[in-house]
Amino acid sequence: MSTGDDLRSQIFALSASERADLVRLLLLSLEGESFDDEVQQAWVVESERRSDAYRQGESQSRDWREAIHEMQEELKRRRPT
């Protein structure tokens, strides 16, 4: 087994929250600049607000593929012909 295969096995053995944290750290490493704590805190507040709104029935969820498709169609409509 290669090192990459070993690493993948170790990653998938992590819990979902540990994998999510790893993904966040990897994405931040691609940014090139240090991640602003203020921005991070703002996203935490916003995600909690959205989660609360969903739980209270003030917003609805939908399949991400459907949302992406709708955004793509809207962008096509906005393009000048």
N, C-alpha and C. Protein backbone atom coordinates (compact mmCIF):
# COMPACT_ATOMS: atom_id res chain seq x y z
N MET A 1 0.85 -1.18 0.00
CA MET A 1 0.00 0.00 0.00
C MET A 1 0.90 1.24 0.00
N SER A 2 0.54 2.23 -0.79
CA SER A 2 1.35 3.44 -0.88
C SER A 2 1.08 4.37 0.30
N THR A 3 1.94 5.35 0.44
CA THR A 3 1.77 6.33 1.52
C THR A 3 0.44 7.06 1.37
N GLY A 4 0.07 7.40 0.12
CA GLY A 4 -1.21 8.08 -0.12
C GLY A 4 -2.38 7.22 0.32
N ASP A 5 -2.32 5.92 0.03
CA ASP A 5 -3.38 5.01 0.44
C ASP A 5 -3.46 4.92 1.96
N ASP A 6 -2.29 4.86 2.60
CA ASP A 6 -2.24 4.83 4.06
C ASP A 6 -2.87 6.09 4.65
N LEU A 7 -2.52 7.21 4.08
CA LEU A 7 -3.05 8.49 4.56
C LEU A 7 -4.56 8.54 4.39
N ARG A 8 -5.05 8.12 3.22
CA ARG A 8 -6.50 8.10 2.99
C ARG A 8 -7.20 7.21 4.00
N SER A 9 -6.64 6.06 4.28
CA SER A 9 -7.24 5.15 5.26
C SER A 9 -7.30 5.79 6.64
N GLN A 10 -6.24 6.47 7.01
CA GLN A 10 -6.22 7.15 8.31
C GLN A 10 -7.24 8.28 8.35
N ILE A 11 -7.35 9.01 7.27
CA ILE A 11 -8.31 10.13 7.23
C ILE A 11 -9.73 9.62 7.36
N PHE A 12 -10.07 8.56 6.60
CA PHE A 12 -11.44 8.05 6.65
C PHE A 12 -11.75 7.33 7.95
N ALA A 13 -10.74 7.03 8.74
CA ALA A 13 -10.96 6.44 10.06
C ALA A 13 -11.33 7.51 11.09
N LEU A 14 -11.10 8.79 10.75
CA LEU A 14 -11.44 9.89 11.65
C LEU A 14 -12.95 10.05 11.74
N SER A 15 -13.40 10.68 12.81
CA SER A 15 -14.82 10.99 12.93
C SER A 15 -15.18 12.09 11.94
N ALA A 16 -16.46 12.28 11.70
CA ALA A 16 -16.91 13.31 10.76
C ALA A 16 -16.43 14.69 11.19
N SER A 17 -16.49 14.99 12.47
CA SER A 17 -16.06 16.32 12.93
C SER A 17 -14.55 16.49 12.78
N GLU A 18 -13.80 15.41 13.01
CA GLU A 18 -12.35 15.50 12.82
C GLU A 18 -12.00 15.70 11.34
N ARG A 19 -12.72 15.00 10.45
CA ARG A 19 -12.49 15.19 9.01
C ARG A 19 -12.86 16.60 8.58
N ALA A 20 -13.95 17.12 9.12
CA ALA A 20 -14.37 18.48 8.78
C ALA A 20 -13.31 19.49 9.21
N ASP A 21 -12.77 19.29 10.40
CA ASP A 21 -11.72 20.18 10.88
C ASP A 21 -10.48 20.09 10.00
N LEU A 22 -10.13 18.88 9.58
CA LEU A 22 -8.99 18.69 8.69
C LEU A 22 -9.22 19.38 7.35
N VAL A 23 -10.42 19.25 6.80
CA VAL A 23 -10.74 19.92 5.54
C VAL A 23 -10.60 21.43 5.68
N ARG A 24 -11.11 21.96 6.78
CA ARG A 24 -11.01 23.40 7.02
C ARG A 24 -9.55 23.83 7.05
N LEU A 25 -8.73 23.08 7.77
CA LEU A 25 -7.31 23.43 7.86
C LEU A 25 -6.62 23.32 6.51
N LEU A 26 -6.96 22.30 5.74
CA LEU A 26 -6.35 22.15 4.41
C LEU A 26 -6.75 23.29 3.49
N LEU A 27 -8.03 23.64 3.52
CA LEU A 27 -8.48 24.76 2.69
C LEU A 27 -7.80 26.07 3.10
N LEU A 28 -7.67 26.28 4.39
CA LEU A 28 -6.99 27.48 4.86
C LEU A 28 -5.53 27.50 4.42
N SER A 29 -4.92 26.33 4.32
CA SER A 29 -3.52 26.28 3.91
C SER A 29 -3.35 26.69 2.45
N LEU A 30 -4.42 26.62 1.68
CA LEU A 30 -4.37 27.03 0.28
C LEU A 30 -4.56 28.53 0.10
N GLU A 31 -5.02 29.20 1.13
CA GLU A 31 -5.31 30.63 1.06
C GLU A 31 -4.06 31.49 0.86
N GLY A 32 -2.95 31.08 1.41
CA GLY A 32 -1.73 31.86 1.26
C GLY A 32 -1.57 32.94 2.31
N GLU A 33 -2.63 33.33 2.94
CA GLU A 33 -2.58 34.33 4.01
C GLU A 33 -3.18 33.70 5.26
N SER A 34 -2.83 34.25 6.39
CA SER A 34 -3.42 33.72 7.61
C SER A 34 -4.92 34.05 7.63
N PHE A 35 -5.67 33.14 8.19
CA PHE A 35 -7.12 33.30 8.24
C PHE A 35 -7.47 34.30 9.33
N ASP A 36 -8.28 35.26 9.00
CA ASP A 36 -8.68 36.32 9.91
C ASP A 36 -9.66 35.77 10.95
N ASP A 37 -9.30 35.87 12.23
CA ASP A 37 -10.17 35.38 13.30
C ASP A 37 -11.52 36.08 13.30
N GLU A 38 -11.54 37.36 12.93
CA GLU A 38 -12.80 38.10 12.88
C GLU A 38 -13.73 37.53 11.82
N VAL A 39 -13.17 37.18 10.68
CA VAL A 39 -13.97 36.59 9.60
C VAL A 39 -14.47 35.23 10.03
N GLN A 40 -13.60 34.45 10.65
CA GLN A 40 -14.01 33.13 11.11
C GLN A 40 -15.15 33.25 12.11
N GLN A 41 -15.05 34.16 13.04
CA GLN A 41 -16.11 34.34 14.03
C GLN A 41 -17.40 34.79 13.38
N ALA A 42 -17.30 35.65 12.38
CA ALA A 42 -18.50 36.10 11.67
C ALA A 42 -19.20 34.92 10.99
N TRP A 43 -18.42 34.00 10.41
CA TRP A 43 -19.01 32.82 9.78
C TRP A 43 -19.64 31.89 10.81
N VAL A 44 -19.04 31.78 11.98
CA VAL A 44 -19.62 30.97 13.05
C VAL A 44 -20.99 31.54 13.44
N VAL A 45 -21.04 32.84 13.64
CA VAL A 45 -22.30 33.50 14.02
C VAL A 45 -23.35 33.30 12.92
N GLU A 46 -22.95 33.48 11.67
CA GLU A 46 -23.88 33.33 10.56
C GLU A 46 -24.38 31.90 10.43
N SER A 47 -23.49 30.93 10.57
CA SER A 47 -23.92 29.53 10.46
C SER A 47 -24.86 29.16 11.59
N GLU A 48 -24.61 29.68 12.78
CA GLU A 48 -25.52 29.42 13.90
C GLU A 48 -26.88 30.08 13.66
N ARG A 49 -26.87 31.28 13.09
CA ARG A 49 -28.12 31.97 12.78
C ARG A 49 -28.93 31.16 11.78
N ARG A 50 -28.26 30.67 10.74
CA ARG A 50 -28.95 29.89 9.72
C ARG A 50 -29.47 28.56 10.29
N SER A 51 -28.68 27.93 11.13
CA SER A 51 -29.09 26.68 11.75
C SER A 51 -30.31 26.89 12.64
N ASP A 52 -30.30 27.95 13.43
CA ASP A 52 -31.44 28.28 14.29
C ASP A 52 -32.69 28.55 13.46
N ALA A 53 -32.54 29.29 12.37
CA ALA A 53 -33.68 29.61 11.51
C ALA A 53 -34.27 28.32 10.92
N TYR A 54 -33.41 27.40 10.53
CA TYR A 54 -33.89 26.13 9.99
C TYR A 54 -34.66 25.34 11.05
N ARG A 55 -34.07 25.24 12.25
CA ARG A 55 -34.73 24.49 13.32
C ARG A 55 -36.07 25.09 13.72
N GLN A 56 -36.19 26.40 13.61
CA GLN A 56 -37.43 27.08 13.99
C GLN A 56 -38.43 27.14 12.83
N GLY A 57 -38.09 26.53 11.70
CA GLY A 57 -39.00 26.50 10.56
C GLY A 57 -39.05 27.79 9.78
N GLU A 58 -38.08 28.68 9.98
CA GLU A 58 -38.05 29.96 9.29
C GLU A 58 -37.34 29.88 7.94
N SER A 59 -36.66 28.76 7.69
CA SER A 59 -36.02 28.55 6.40
C SER A 59 -36.10 27.07 6.07
N GLN A 60 -35.90 26.77 4.80
CA GLN A 60 -35.99 25.39 4.35
C GLN A 60 -34.67 24.96 3.73
N SER A 61 -34.45 23.68 3.74
CA SER A 61 -33.25 23.16 3.07
C SER A 61 -33.67 22.58 1.73
N ARG A 62 -32.67 22.40 0.87
CA ARG A 62 -32.93 21.75 -0.41
C ARG A 62 -31.63 21.14 -0.90
N ASP A 63 -31.76 20.27 -1.86
CA ASP A 63 -30.60 19.58 -2.40
C ASP A 63 -29.64 20.58 -3.03
N TRP A 64 -28.36 20.45 -2.74
CA TRP A 64 -27.36 21.41 -3.24
C TRP A 64 -27.27 21.37 -4.75
N ARG A 65 -27.50 20.19 -5.35
CA ARG A 65 -27.44 20.10 -6.81
C ARG A 65 -28.54 20.94 -7.45
N GLU A 66 -29.71 20.93 -6.83
CA GLU A 66 -30.82 21.73 -7.33
C GLU A 66 -30.49 23.23 -7.22
N ALA A 67 -29.92 23.62 -6.09
CA ALA A 67 -29.57 25.02 -5.89
C ALA A 67 -28.51 25.47 -6.91
N ILE A 68 -27.49 24.63 -7.15
CA ILE A 68 -26.45 24.97 -8.13
C ILE A 68 -27.06 25.10 -9.51
N HIS A 69 -27.93 24.16 -9.86
CA HIS A 69 -28.59 24.21 -11.18
C HIS A 69 -29.38 25.51 -11.35
N GLU A 70 -30.12 25.89 -10.33
CA GLU A 70 -30.91 27.13 -10.40
C GLU A 70 -30.00 28.35 -10.55
N MET A 71 -28.88 28.37 -9.84
CA MET A 71 -27.95 29.50 -9.96
C MET A 71 -27.34 29.55 -11.36
N GLN A 72 -27.00 28.39 -11.91
CA GLN A 72 -26.44 28.36 -13.26
C GLN A 72 -27.45 28.86 -14.29
N GLU A 73 -28.70 28.44 -14.13
CA GLU A 73 -29.75 28.89 -15.06
C GLU A 73 -29.97 30.41 -14.94
N GLU A 74 -29.94 30.90 -13.72
CA GLU A 74 -30.10 32.36 -13.52
C GLU A 74 -28.95 33.12 -14.16
N LEU A 75 -27.73 32.63 -14.03
CA LEU A 75 -26.58 33.29 -14.65
C LEU A 75 -26.69 33.27 -16.17
N LYS A 76 -27.20 32.19 -16.74
CA LYS A 76 -27.40 32.11 -18.20
C LYS A 76 -28.42 33.17 -18.65
N ARG A 77 -29.48 33.34 -17.86
CA ARG A 77 -30.51 34.33 -18.21
C ARG A 77 -29.96 35.75 -18.16
N ARG A 78 -29.01 35.99 -17.28
CA ARG A 78 -28.46 37.34 -17.11
C ARG A 78 -27.40 37.70 -18.14
N ARG A 79 -26.85 36.70 -18.83
CA ARG A 79 -25.80 36.97 -19.82
C ARG A 79 -26.38 37.74 -20.99
N PRO A 80 -25.63 38.75 -21.41
CA PRO A 80 -26.11 39.48 -22.61
C PRO A 80 -26.00 38.57 -23.83
N THR A 81 -26.95 38.72 -24.72
CA THR A 81 -26.94 37.89 -25.93
C THR A 81 -26.39 38.63 -27.12
